[in-house]
Amino acid sequence: MTLGGRADDPIWGAVGALHGEEASRLVLAALDAGINYIDTADTYGGGESEDELGRILAGRRDSVLIASKAGGSRSGPGPNDLGATRVHLTRSIENSLRKLRTDYIDLYELHIFDHLTALDESLAALDDAVRQGKIRHIGASNFDAWHIAKALGISALRQISGFVSAQTHYSLLVRDVEMDLLPLAESENLGVMVWGPLAAGYLTGKFDSAGGTGESSSRRATNPQASIPPVDPVAAAPVLEVVRAVAERNNATSAQVALAWILARPVITSVTIGARTPERLLSNLQAVDLQLSAQDLADLDEVSAPAPRYPHWLNRLAELGRGPVPR
């Protein structure tokens, strides 16, 4: 998301708006560090992210897995420049292939659930692209568990390509997906790619119990993209306190602790992080080597645990005495 876009744009300027040499330095630093999976979308950077990525990856395409998405936000002014309709998805796939300078995309995701378009139509359009060799696999991004379950049922019934992955928001401050989506992913053997693991910078240690001060707080308050996910500063304060304490015990940064916690969770396949500079990227990548102790994980789990929702709390009561309770 940091690639492309105008510097004066309220969203993309705040996210990154990296072009040319700056964009190249960031992506090449990632590749040199061993990253081989890059996530983008048709509208990132005001539609320029895929262009930048295609330019940078010229000659390196086959060593990288590329994921792109469509249907999340408007890609143009026309009535068919939005959603997960056949016409929009077909056009978006062709545009993404052209911008990325490639003849295939490894993983193509529906960016968000489109309640106005039948899943049958969306899945059939994606299956056509798989059969044509334009995309290798399909996935869902920002879907509820029941959306994915319904889609898997349709794909199985029609014997067409089905979702192999779920991209979802997950962090110490937002653990909603533990209730339904992660158990579904484990049951159906779906890859899970996490976005927003640092809650748009909230878990980096920049913010105080009042929601932060200075440039970071101002950007989050005025920029819609930087305020995703919404964070209650009062509820987040004890989580940040424990994150800082664990970071001190491990001689690590708060960001590294927040990332290491997610990497230690079951079912998680990959964590997607963004950065403006290679230095920040490489610092966050050290989370891969950070082994949190059982006590560290227990402290983080306890302070961030969400209240169980119905019927989950009732089901857990019913499981008592019947052996290990499922995750």
Foldseek 3Di string as FASTA:
>chain_A
DQDAADCPDLANVLQHRDADPLLLQQVVLCVVVPAAEDEEECCHNNRCRLLRQLVNCVVPVVSHAYEYEFQPDANDDDPLRHHQALVNVVVSLVSSCVSNVHQAHAEYEHAEDDPVDDLLRNQVSVQVCCVVRRYPAYAYEHYDLVVLVVQVVSCVVVVTGHHQAYEYADWLQDHVCVQHPLVSCVVVVHEYEHECHCLLVVQQLQAALVQHDDPLSVSCVRRPNSCVPPGNSNLCHVLSVLLVVQCVVQVATSLLSGVLLVVPDPRHDYYDDDDNHSVVVVSNVCSVVDDRDPVSNVSSCVSSPDDDDPPVVVVQVVCPPVDDDDD
